[in-house]
Amino acid sequence: MAHYAIIENTFNTVIEVITGVDEKITQIDLDGKEVGGSSEAWENFYSQRLKNSTVYVKRCSYNGNIRSKYPAIGDHYNEELDIFESVEAENES
């Protein structure tokens, strides 16, 4: 089981975290295309399925092994460092 953060792209704020397919799994989607096999492939799949140009999806980890921490709604995704950051931590800097 994998988790993915839905991020609004103006301020890179996490707006939702969903449970999805593990990155190693491949499946056939509704269009008959094979999808999966990597985190990036599933991120793209979920981003496209949202059909919303104001958001994108990044893989995250419940145990914090991917991108530093498990994001909460309102947390920030730092593209430069490729990590999730708590809003409180940013405000303290």
PDB file of N, CA and C in Angstrom:
ATOM      1  N   MET A   1       0.849  -1.171   0.000  1.00  0.00           N
ATOM      2  CA  MET A   1       0.000   0.000   0.000  1.00  0.00           C
ATOM      3  C   MET A   1       0.895   1.234   0.000  1.00  0.00           C
ATOM      4  N   ALA A   2       0.566   2.159  -0.861  1.00  0.00           N
ATOM      5  CA  ALA A   2       1.347   3.389  -0.983  1.00  0.00           C
ATOM      6  C   ALA A   2       0.452   4.584  -0.687  1.00  0.00           C
ATOM      7  N   HIS A   3       1.077   5.693  -0.368  1.00  0.00           N
ATOM      8  CA  HIS A   3       0.340   6.929  -0.106  1.00  0.00           C
ATOM      9  C   HIS A   3       0.855   8.014  -1.039  1.00  0.00           C
ATOM     10  N   TYR A   4      -0.069   8.893  -1.423  1.00  0.00           N
ATOM     11  CA  TYR A   4       0.248   9.973  -2.358  1.00  0.00           C
ATOM     12  C   TYR A   4      -0.370  11.262  -1.844  1.00  0.00           C
ATOM     13  N   ALA A   5       0.433  12.329  -1.899  1.00  0.00           N
ATOM     14  CA  ALA A   5      -0.053  13.641  -1.485  1.00  0.00           C
ATOM     15  C   ALA A   5      -0.553  14.384  -2.714  1.00  0.00           C
ATOM     16  N   ILE A   6      -1.729  14.981  -2.600  1.00  0.00           N
ATOM     17  CA  ILE A   6      -2.256  15.853  -3.640  1.00  0.00           C
ATOM     18  C   ILE A   6      -1.874  17.270  -3.230  1.00  0.00           C
ATOM     19  N   ILE A   7      -1.198  17.966  -4.138  1.00  0.00           N
ATOM     20  CA  ILE A   7      -0.581  19.251  -3.828  1.00  0.00           C
ATOM     21  C   ILE A   7      -1.098  20.312  -4.787  1.00  0.00           C
ATOM     22  N   GLU A   8      -1.540  21.446  -4.240  1.00  0.00           N
ATOM     23  CA  GLU A   8      -1.952  22.538  -5.136  1.00  0.00           C
ATOM     24  C   GLU A   8      -0.666  23.211  -5.612  1.00  0.00           C
ATOM     25  N   ASN A   9      -0.647  23.559  -6.909  1.00  0.00           N
ATOM     26  CA  ASN A   9       0.622  23.949  -7.501  1.00  0.00           C
ATOM     27  C   ASN A   9       1.001  25.418  -7.381  1.00  0.00           C
ATOM     28  N   THR A  10       0.169  26.276  -6.834  1.00  0.00           N
ATOM     29  CA  THR A  10       0.549  27.676  -6.675  1.00  0.00           C
ATOM     30  C   THR A  10       1.500  27.856  -5.491  1.00  0.00           C
ATOM     31  N   PHE A  11       1.141  27.293  -4.349  1.00  0.00           N
ATOM     32  CA  PHE A  11       1.955  27.436  -3.135  1.00  0.00           C
ATOM     33  C   PHE A  11       2.554  26.111  -2.671  1.00  0.00           C
ATOM     34  N   ASN A  12       2.348  25.032  -3.462  1.00  0.00           N
ATOM     35  CA  ASN A  12       2.852  23.694  -3.110  1.00  0.00           C
ATOM     36  C   ASN A  12       2.347  23.230  -1.748  1.00  0.00           C
ATOM     37  N   THR A  13       1.063  23.467  -1.506  1.00  0.00           N
ATOM     38  CA  THR A  13       0.436  23.087  -0.242  1.00  0.00           C
ATOM     39  C   THR A  13      -0.287  21.758  -0.392  1.00  0.00           C
ATOM     40  N   VAL A  14      -0.077  20.849   0.571  1.00  0.00           N
ATOM     41  CA  VAL A  14      -0.759  19.561   0.561  1.00  0.00           C
ATOM     42  C   VAL A  14      -2.232  19.797   0.891  1.00  0.00           C
ATOM     43  N   ILE A  15      -3.124  19.331   0.001  1.00  0.00           N
ATOM     44  CA  ILE A  15      -4.557  19.506   0.237  1.00  0.00           C
ATOM     45  C   ILE A  15      -5.256  18.192   0.565  1.00  0.00           C
ATOM     46  N   GLU A  16      -4.586  17.064   0.292  1.00  0.00           N
ATOM     47  CA  GLU A  16      -5.174  15.759   0.605  1.00  0.00           C
ATOM     48  C   GLU A  16      -4.084  14.704   0.504  1.00  0.00           C
ATOM     49  N   VAL A  17      -4.229  13.624   1.256  1.00  0.00           N
ATOM     50  CA  VAL A  17      -3.346  12.468   1.144  1.00  0.00           C
ATOM     51  C   VAL A  17      -4.236  11.260   0.895  1.00  0.00           C
ATOM     52  N   ILE A  18      -3.891  10.487  -0.157  1.00  0.00           N
ATOM     53  CA  ILE A  18      -4.712   9.331  -0.527  1.00  0.00           C
ATOM     54  C   ILE A  18      -3.895   8.048  -0.438  1.00  0.00           C
ATOM     55  N   THR A  19      -4.592   6.942  -0.322  1.00  0.00           N
ATOM     56  CA  THR A  19      -3.972   5.629  -0.396  1.00  0.00           C
ATOM     57  C   THR A  19      -4.061   5.172  -1.838  1.00  0.00           C
ATOM     58  N   GLY A  20      -2.955   4.663  -2.353  1.00  0.00           N
ATOM     59  CA  GLY A  20      -2.931   4.233  -3.742  1.00  0.00           C
ATOM     60  C   GLY A  20      -2.179   2.929  -3.910  1.00  0.00           C
ATOM     61  N   VAL A  21      -1.772   2.690  -5.142  1.00  0.00           N
ATOM     62  CA  VAL A  21      -1.102   1.449  -5.514  1.00  0.00           C
ATOM     63  C   VAL A  21       0.397   1.569  -5.251  1.00  0.00           C
ATOM     64  N   ASP A  22       0.995   0.475  -4.763  1.00  0.00           N
ATOM     65  CA  ASP A  22       2.432   0.437  -4.519  1.00  0.00           C
ATOM     66  C   ASP A  22       3.181   0.666  -5.822  1.00  0.00           C
ATOM     67  N   GLU A  23       4.274   1.402  -5.770  1.00  0.00           N
ATOM     68  CA  GLU A  23       4.984   1.803  -6.980  1.00  0.00           C
ATOM     69  C   GLU A  23       5.521   0.642  -7.807  1.00  0.00           C
ATOM     70  N   LYS A  24       5.743  -0.511  -7.195  1.00  0.00           N
ATOM     71  CA  LYS A  24       6.289  -1.655  -7.932  1.00  0.00           C
ATOM     72  C   LYS A  24       5.240  -2.386  -8.764  1.00  0.00           C
ATOM     73  N   ILE A  25       3.991  -2.140  -8.496  1.00  0.00           N
ATOM     74  CA  ILE A  25       2.896  -2.845  -9.175  1.00  0.00           C
ATOM     75  C   ILE A  25       2.573  -2.171 -10.500  1.00  0.00           C
ATOM     76  N   THR A  26       2.278  -2.999 -11.500  1.00  0.00           N
ATOM     77  CA  THR A  26       1.763  -2.483 -12.766  1.00  0.00           C
ATOM     78  C   THR A  26       0.355  -3.026 -12.950  1.00  0.00           C
ATOM     79  N   GLN A  27      -0.497  -2.240 -13.577  1.00  0.00           N
ATOM     80  CA  GLN A  27      -1.874  -2.628 -13.843  1.00  0.00           C
ATOM     81  C   GLN A  27      -2.279  -2.104 -15.210  1.00  0.00           C
ATOM     82  N   ILE A  28      -3.394  -2.592 -15.703  1.00  0.00           N
ATOM     83  CA  ILE A  28      -3.973  -2.082 -16.937  1.00  0.00           C
ATOM     84  C   ILE A  28      -5.063  -1.091 -16.544  1.00  0.00           C
ATOM     85  N   ASP A  29      -4.976   0.144 -17.059  1.00  0.00           N
ATOM     86  CA  ASP A  29      -5.979   1.153 -16.699  1.00  0.00           C
ATOM     87  C   ASP A  29      -7.234   0.998 -17.560  1.00  0.00           C
ATOM     88  N   LEU A  30      -8.193   1.872 -17.359  1.00  0.00           N
ATOM     89  CA  LEU A  30      -9.472   1.787 -18.058  1.00  0.00           C
ATOM     90  C   LEU A  30      -9.334   1.986 -19.564  1.00  0.00           C
ATOM     91  N   ASP A  31      -8.244   2.597 -20.002  1.00  0.00           N
ATOM     92  CA  ASP A  31      -7.991   2.801 -21.428  1.00  0.00           C
ATOM     93  C   ASP A  31      -7.219   1.643 -22.048  1.00  0.00           C
ATOM     94  N   GLY A  32      -6.926   0.610 -21.247  1.00  0.00           N
ATOM     95  CA  GLY A  32      -6.201  -0.551 -21.743  1.00  0.00           C
ATOM     96  C   GLY A  32      -4.693  -0.379 -21.772  1.00  0.00           C
ATOM     97  N   LYS A  33      -4.194   0.678 -21.151  1.00  0.00           N
ATOM     98  CA  LYS A  33      -2.754   0.938 -21.112  1.00  0.00           C
ATOM     99  C   LYS A  33      -2.162   0.428 -19.807  1.00  0.00           C
ATOM    100  N   GLU A  34      -0.939  -0.093 -19.905  1.00  0.00           N
ATOM    101  CA  GLU A  34      -0.236  -0.506 -18.696  1.00  0.00           C
ATOM    102  C   GLU A  34       0.252   0.729 -17.957  1.00  0.00           C
ATOM    103  N   VAL A  35       0.052   0.746 -16.660  1.00  0.00           N
ATOM    104  CA  VAL A  35       0.473   1.871 -15.833  1.00  0.00           C
ATOM    105  C   VAL A  35       1.185   1.324 -14.604  1.00  0.00           C
ATOM    106  N   GLY A  36       2.123   2.099 -14.101  1.00  0.00           N
ATOM    107  CA  GLY A  36       2.800   1.721 -12.868  1.00  0.00           C
ATOM    108  C   GLY A  36       4.226   1.273 -13.111  1.00  0.00           C
ATOM    109  N   GLY A  37       4.788   0.659 -12.076  1.00  0.00           N
ATOM    110  CA  GLY A  37       6.148   0.187 -12.133  1.00  0.00           C
ATOM    111  C   GLY A  37       7.156   1.130 -11.495  1.00  0.00           C
ATOM    112  N   SER A  38       6.723   2.365 -11.191  1.00  0.00           N
ATOM    113  CA  SER A  38       7.604   3.317 -10.526  1.00  0.00           C
ATOM    114  C   SER A  38       6.756   4.368  -9.816  1.00  0.00           C
ATOM    115  N   SER A  39       7.368   5.052  -8.869  1.00  0.00           N
ATOM    116  CA  SER A  39       6.664   6.136  -8.167  1.00  0.00           C
ATOM    117  C   SER A  39       6.227   7.211  -9.149  1.00  0.00           C
ATOM    118  N   GLU A  40       7.120   7.561 -10.073  1.00  0.00           N
ATOM    119  CA  GLU A  40       6.814   8.618 -11.038  1.00  0.00           C
ATOM    120  C   GLU A  40       5.630   8.237 -11.922  1.00  0.00           C
ATOM    121  N   ALA A  41       5.561   6.984 -12.331  1.00  0.00           N
ATOM    122  CA  ALA A  41       4.449   6.540 -13.180  1.00  0.00           C
ATOM    123  C   ALA A  41       3.119   6.666 -12.443  1.00  0.00           C
ATOM    124  N   TRP A  42       3.091   6.261 -11.164  1.00  0.00           N
ATOM    125  CA  TRP A  42       1.845   6.374 -10.400  1.00  0.00           C
ATOM    126  C   TRP A  42       1.527   7.824 -10.081  1.00  0.00           C
ATOM    127  N   GLU A  43       2.535   8.652  -9.811  1.00  0.00           N
ATOM    128  CA  GLU A  43       2.289  10.083  -9.591  1.00  0.00           C
ATOM    129  C   GLU A  43       1.627  10.694 -10.822  1.00  0.00           C
ATOM    130  N   ASN A  44       2.149  10.373 -11.996  1.00  0.00           N
ATOM    131  CA  ASN A  44       1.563  10.881 -13.240  1.00  0.00           C
ATOM    132  C   ASN A  44       0.151  10.353 -13.452  1.00  0.00           C
ATOM    133  N   PHE A  45      -0.055   9.070 -13.166  1.00  0.00           N
ATOM    134  CA  PHE A  45      -1.380   8.465 -13.325  1.00  0.00           C
ATOM    135  C   PHE A  45      -2.409   9.184 -12.465  1.00  0.00           C
ATOM    136  N   TYR A  46      -2.101   9.353 -11.181  1.00  0.00           N
ATOM    137  CA  TYR A  46      -3.058  10.018 -10.282  1.00  0.00           C
ATOM    138  C   TYR A  46      -3.245  11.490 -10.654  1.00  0.00           C
ATOM    139  N   SER A  47      -2.166  12.160 -11.036  1.00  0.00           N
ATOM    140  CA  SER A  47      -2.275  13.564 -11.446  1.00  0.00           C
ATOM    141  C   SER A  47      -3.205  13.705 -12.645  1.00  0.00           C
ATOM    142  N   GLN A  48      -3.049  12.840 -13.639  1.00  0.00           N
ATOM    143  CA  GLN A  48      -3.899  12.894 -14.830  1.00  0.00           C
ATOM    144  C   GLN A  48      -5.344  12.559 -14.515  1.00  0.00           C
ATOM    145  N   ARG A  49      -5.567  11.620 -13.624  1.00  0.00           N
ATOM    146  CA  ARG A  49      -6.936  11.206 -13.287  1.00  0.00           C
ATOM    147  C   ARG A  49      -7.700  12.297 -12.542  1.00  0.00           C
ATOM    148  N   LEU A  50      -6.981  13.199 -11.876  1.00  0.00           N
ATOM    149  CA  LEU A  50      -7.646  14.286 -11.154  1.00  0.00           C
ATOM    150  C   LEU A  50      -8.243  15.312 -12.113  1.00  0.00           C
ATOM    151  N   LYS A  51      -7.692  15.367 -13.318  1.00  0.00           N
ATOM    152  CA  LYS A  51      -8.184  16.295 -14.350  1.00  0.00           C
ATOM    153  C   LYS A  51      -8.337  17.711 -13.805  1.00  0.00           C
ATOM    154  N   ASN A  52      -7.309  18.133 -13.092  1.00  0.00           N
ATOM    155  CA  ASN A  52      -7.314  19.447 -12.482  1.00  0.00           C
ATOM    156  C   ASN A  52      -5.910  20.021 -12.614  1.00  0.00           C
ATOM    157  N   SER A  53      -5.754  21.047 -13.430  1.00  0.00           N
ATOM    158  CA  SER A  53      -4.426  21.594 -13.697  1.00  0.00           C
ATOM    159  C   SER A  53      -3.840  22.374 -12.516  1.00  0.00           C
ATOM    160  N   THR A  54      -4.621  22.550 -11.460  1.00  0.00           N
ATOM    161  CA  THR A  54      -4.109  23.307 -10.314  1.00  0.00           C
ATOM    162  C   THR A  54      -3.507  22.410  -9.228  1.00  0.00           C
ATOM    163  N   VAL A  55      -3.453  21.108  -9.477  1.00  0.00           N
ATOM    164  CA  VAL A  55      -2.879  20.183  -8.499  1.00  0.00           C
ATOM    165  C   VAL A  55      -1.962  19.178  -9.186  1.00  0.00           C
ATOM    166  N   TYR A  56      -1.073  18.591  -8.389  1.00  0.00           N
ATOM    167  CA  TYR A  56      -0.245  17.480  -8.845  1.00  0.00           C
ATOM    168  C   TYR A  56      -0.050  16.524  -7.666  1.00  0.00           C
ATOM    169  N   VAL A  57       0.530  15.359  -7.937  1.00  0.00           N
ATOM    170  CA  VAL A  57       0.618  14.292  -6.939  1.00  0.00           C
ATOM    171  C   VAL A  57       2.075  13.883  -6.728  1.00  0.00           C
ATOM    172  N   LYS A  58       2.439  13.660  -5.462  1.00  0.00           N
ATOM    173  CA  LYS A  58       3.763  13.153  -5.112  1.00  0.00           C
ATOM    174  C   LYS A  58       3.618  11.994  -4.139  1.00  0.00           C
ATOM    175  N   ARG A  59       4.440  10.973  -4.330  1.00  0.00           N
ATOM    176  CA  ARG A  59       4.448   9.806  -3.448  1.00  0.00           C
ATOM    177  C   ARG A  59       4.940  10.247  -2.084  1.00  0.00           C
ATOM    178  N   CYS A  60       4.359   9.684  -1.042  1.00  0.00           N
ATOM    179  CA  CYS A  60       4.814   9.935   0.322  1.00  0.00           C
ATOM    180  C   CYS A  60       4.794   8.615   1.082  1.00  0.00           C
ATOM    181  N   SER A  61       5.250   8.623   2.289  1.00  0.00           N
ATOM    182  CA  SER A  61       5.392   7.396   3.063  1.00  0.00           C
ATOM    183  C   SER A  61       4.840   7.595   4.465  1.00  0.00           C
ATOM    184  N   TYR A  62       3.985   6.673   4.864  1.00  0.00           N
ATOM    185  CA  TYR A  62       3.378   6.757   6.184  1.00  0.00           C
ATOM    186  C   TYR A  62       4.425   6.713   7.289  1.00  0.00           C
ATOM    187  N   ASN A  63       5.524   5.977   7.045  1.00  0.00           N
ATOM    188  CA  ASN A  63       6.574   5.892   8.066  1.00  0.00           C
ATOM    189  C   ASN A  63       7.681   6.933   7.865  1.00  0.00           C
ATOM    190  N   GLY A  64       7.496   7.868   6.928  1.00  0.00           N
ATOM    191  CA  GLY A  64       8.438   8.960   6.749  1.00  0.00           C
ATOM    192  C   GLY A  64       9.699   8.613   5.978  1.00  0.00           C
ATOM    193  N   ASN A  65       9.745   7.452   5.323  1.00  0.00           N
ATOM    194  CA  ASN A  65      10.937   7.042   4.580  1.00  0.00           C
ATOM    195  C   ASN A  65      11.064   7.710   3.218  1.00  0.00           C
ATOM    196  N   ILE A  66      10.008   8.348   2.748  1.00  0.00           N
ATOM    197  CA  ILE A  66      10.038   9.011   1.445  1.00  0.00           C
ATOM    198  C   ILE A  66       9.732  10.486   1.648  1.00  0.00           C
ATOM    199  N   ARG A  67      10.596  11.330   1.154  1.00  0.00           N
ATOM    200  CA  ARG A  67      10.427  12.786   1.205  1.00  0.00           C
ATOM    201  C   ARG A  67      10.330  13.324   2.633  1.00  0.00           C
ATOM    202  N   SER A  68      11.105  12.732   3.510  1.00  0.00           N
ATOM    203  CA  SER A  68      11.352  13.243   4.856  1.00  0.00           C
ATOM    204  C   SER A  68      10.260  12.976   5.890  1.00  0.00           C
ATOM    205  N   LYS A  69       8.990  13.179   5.543  1.00  0.00           N
ATOM    206  CA  LYS A  69       7.920  12.982   6.535  1.00  0.00           C
ATOM    207  C   LYS A  69       6.613  12.665   5.830  1.00  0.00           C
ATOM    208  N   TYR A  70       5.700  12.100   6.594  1.00  0.00           N
ATOM    209  CA  TYR A  70       4.345  11.895   6.081  1.00  0.00           C
ATOM    210  C   TYR A  70       3.629  13.237   6.153  1.00  0.00           C
ATOM    211  N   PRO A  71       3.164  13.747   5.016  1.00  0.00           N
ATOM    212  CA  PRO A  71       2.591  15.093   5.020  1.00  0.00           C
ATOM    213  C   PRO A  71       1.199  15.152   5.625  1.00  0.00           C
ATOM    214  N   ALA A  72       0.929  16.252   6.284  1.00  0.00           N
ATOM    215  CA  ALA A  72      -0.412  16.557   6.781  1.00  0.00           C
ATOM    216  C   ALA A  72      -1.023  17.600   5.847  1.00  0.00           C
ATOM    217  N   ILE A  73      -2.320  17.680   5.847  1.00  0.00           N
ATOM    218  CA  ILE A  73      -2.985  18.715   5.065  1.00  0.00           C
ATOM    219  C   ILE A  73      -2.478  20.069   5.555  1.00  0.00           C
ATOM    220  N   GLY A  74      -2.095  20.909   4.612  1.00  0.00           N
ATOM    221  CA  GLY A  74      -1.540  22.216   4.940  1.00  0.00           C
ATOM    222  C   GLY A  74      -0.023  22.262   4.914  1.00  0.00           C
ATOM    223  N   ASP A  75       0.632  21.097   4.941  1.00  0.00           N
ATOM    224  CA  ASP A  75       2.096  21.077   4.860  1.00  0.00           C
ATOM    225  C   ASP A  75       2.547  21.560   3.488  1.00  0.00           C
ATOM    226  N   HIS A  76       3.812  21.880   3.379  1.00  0.00           N
ATOM    227  CA  HIS A  76       4.406  22.423   2.163  1.00  0.00           C
ATOM    228  C   HIS A  76       5.290  21.358   1.514  1.00  0.00           C
ATOM    229  N   TYR A  77       5.222  21.270   0.167  1.00  0.00           N
ATOM    230  CA  TYR A  77       6.151  20.422  -0.570  1.00  0.00           C
ATOM    231  C   TYR A  77       7.258  21.317  -1.109  1.00  0.00           C
ATOM    232  N   ASN A  78       8.486  21.060  -0.684  1.00  0.00           N
ATOM    233  CA  ASN A  78       9.647  21.823  -1.120  1.00  0.00           C
ATOM    234  C   ASN A  78      10.222  21.119  -2.347  1.00  0.00           C
ATOM    235  N   GLU A  79       9.971  21.694  -3.527  1.00  0.00           N
ATOM    236  CA  GLU A  79      10.430  21.081  -4.779  1.00  0.00           C
ATOM    237  C   GLU A  79      11.951  21.008  -4.861  1.00  0.00           C
ATOM    238  N   GLU A  80      12.617  22.037  -4.395  1.00  0.00           N
ATOM    239  CA  GLU A  80      14.075  22.094  -4.476  1.00  0.00           C
ATOM    240  C   GLU A  80      14.714  20.954  -3.688  1.00  0.00           C
ATOM    241  N   LEU A  81      14.225  20.708  -2.478  1.00  0.00           N
ATOM    242  CA  LEU A  81      14.774  19.647  -1.625  1.00  0.00           C
ATOM    243  C   LEU A  81      14.058  18.313  -1.803  1.00  0.00           C
ATOM    244  N   ASP A  82      12.913  18.313  -2.512  1.00  0.00           N
ATOM    245  CA  ASP A  82      12.086  17.131  -2.733  1.00  0.00           C
ATOM    246  C   ASP A  82      11.654  16.498  -1.404  1.00  0.00           C
ATOM    247  N   ILE A  83      11.164  17.364  -0.496  1.00  0.00           N
ATOM    248  CA  ILE A  83      10.690  16.896   0.805  1.00  0.00           C
ATOM    249  C   ILE A  83       9.401  17.623   1.184  1.00  0.00           C
ATOM    250  N   PHE A  84       8.671  17.025   2.121  1.00  0.00           N
ATOM    251  CA  PHE A  84       7.514  17.683   2.729  1.00  0.00           C
ATOM    252  C   PHE A  84       7.983  18.367   4.003  1.00  0.00           C
ATOM    253  N   GLU A  85       7.471  19.575   4.234  1.00  0.00           N
ATOM    254  CA  GLU A  85       7.841  20.333   5.414  1.00  0.00           C
ATOM    255  C   GLU A  85       6.582  20.767   6.158  1.00  0.00           C
ATOM    256  N   SER A  86       6.660  20.725   7.466  1.00  0.00           N
ATOM    257  CA  SER A  86       5.558  21.208   8.285  1.00  0.00           C
ATOM    258  C   SER A  86       5.475  22.713   8.177  1.00  0.00           C
ATOM    259  N   VAL A  87       4.284  23.244   8.170  1.00  0.00           N
ATOM    260  CA  VAL A  87       4.101  24.686   8.111  1.00  0.00           C
ATOM    261  C   VAL A  87       4.702  25.328   9.351  1.00  0.00           C
ATOM    262  N   GLU A  88       4.553  24.696  10.511  1.00  0.00           N
ATOM    263  CA  GLU A  88       5.101  25.249  11.750  1.00  0.00           C
ATOM    264  C   GLU A  88       6.614  25.371  11.650  1.00  0.00           C
ATOM    265  N   ALA A  89       7.277  24.388  11.047  1.00  0.00           N
ATOM    266  CA  ALA A  89       8.742  24.416  10.922  1.00  0.00           C
ATOM    267  C   ALA A  89       9.176  25.567  10.023  1.00  0.00           C
ATOM    268  N   GLU A  90       8.427  25.824   8.969  1.00  0.00           N
ATOM    269  CA  GLU A  90       8.768  26.934   8.073  1.00  0.00           C
ATOM    270  C   GLU A  90       8.595  28.272   8.787  1.00  0.00           C
ATOM    271  N   ASN A  91       7.542  28.384   9.584  1.00  0.00           N
ATOM    272  CA  ASN A  91       7.274  29.637  10.287  1.00  0.00           C
ATOM    273  C   ASN A  91       8.316  29.938  11.353  1.00  0.00           C
ATOM    274  N   GLU A  92       8.969  28.897  11.875  1.00  0.00           N
ATOM    275  CA  GLU A  92       9.979  29.077  12.902  1.00  0.00           C
ATOM    276  C   GLU A  92      11.306  29.550  12.305  1.00  0.00           C
ATOM    277  N   SER A  93      11.517  29.319  11.012  1.00  0.00           N
ATOM    278  CA  SER A  93      12.794  29.684  10.365  1.00  0.00           C
ATOM    279  C   SER A  93      12.954  31.160  10.209  1.00  0.00           C
TER     280      SER A  93
END
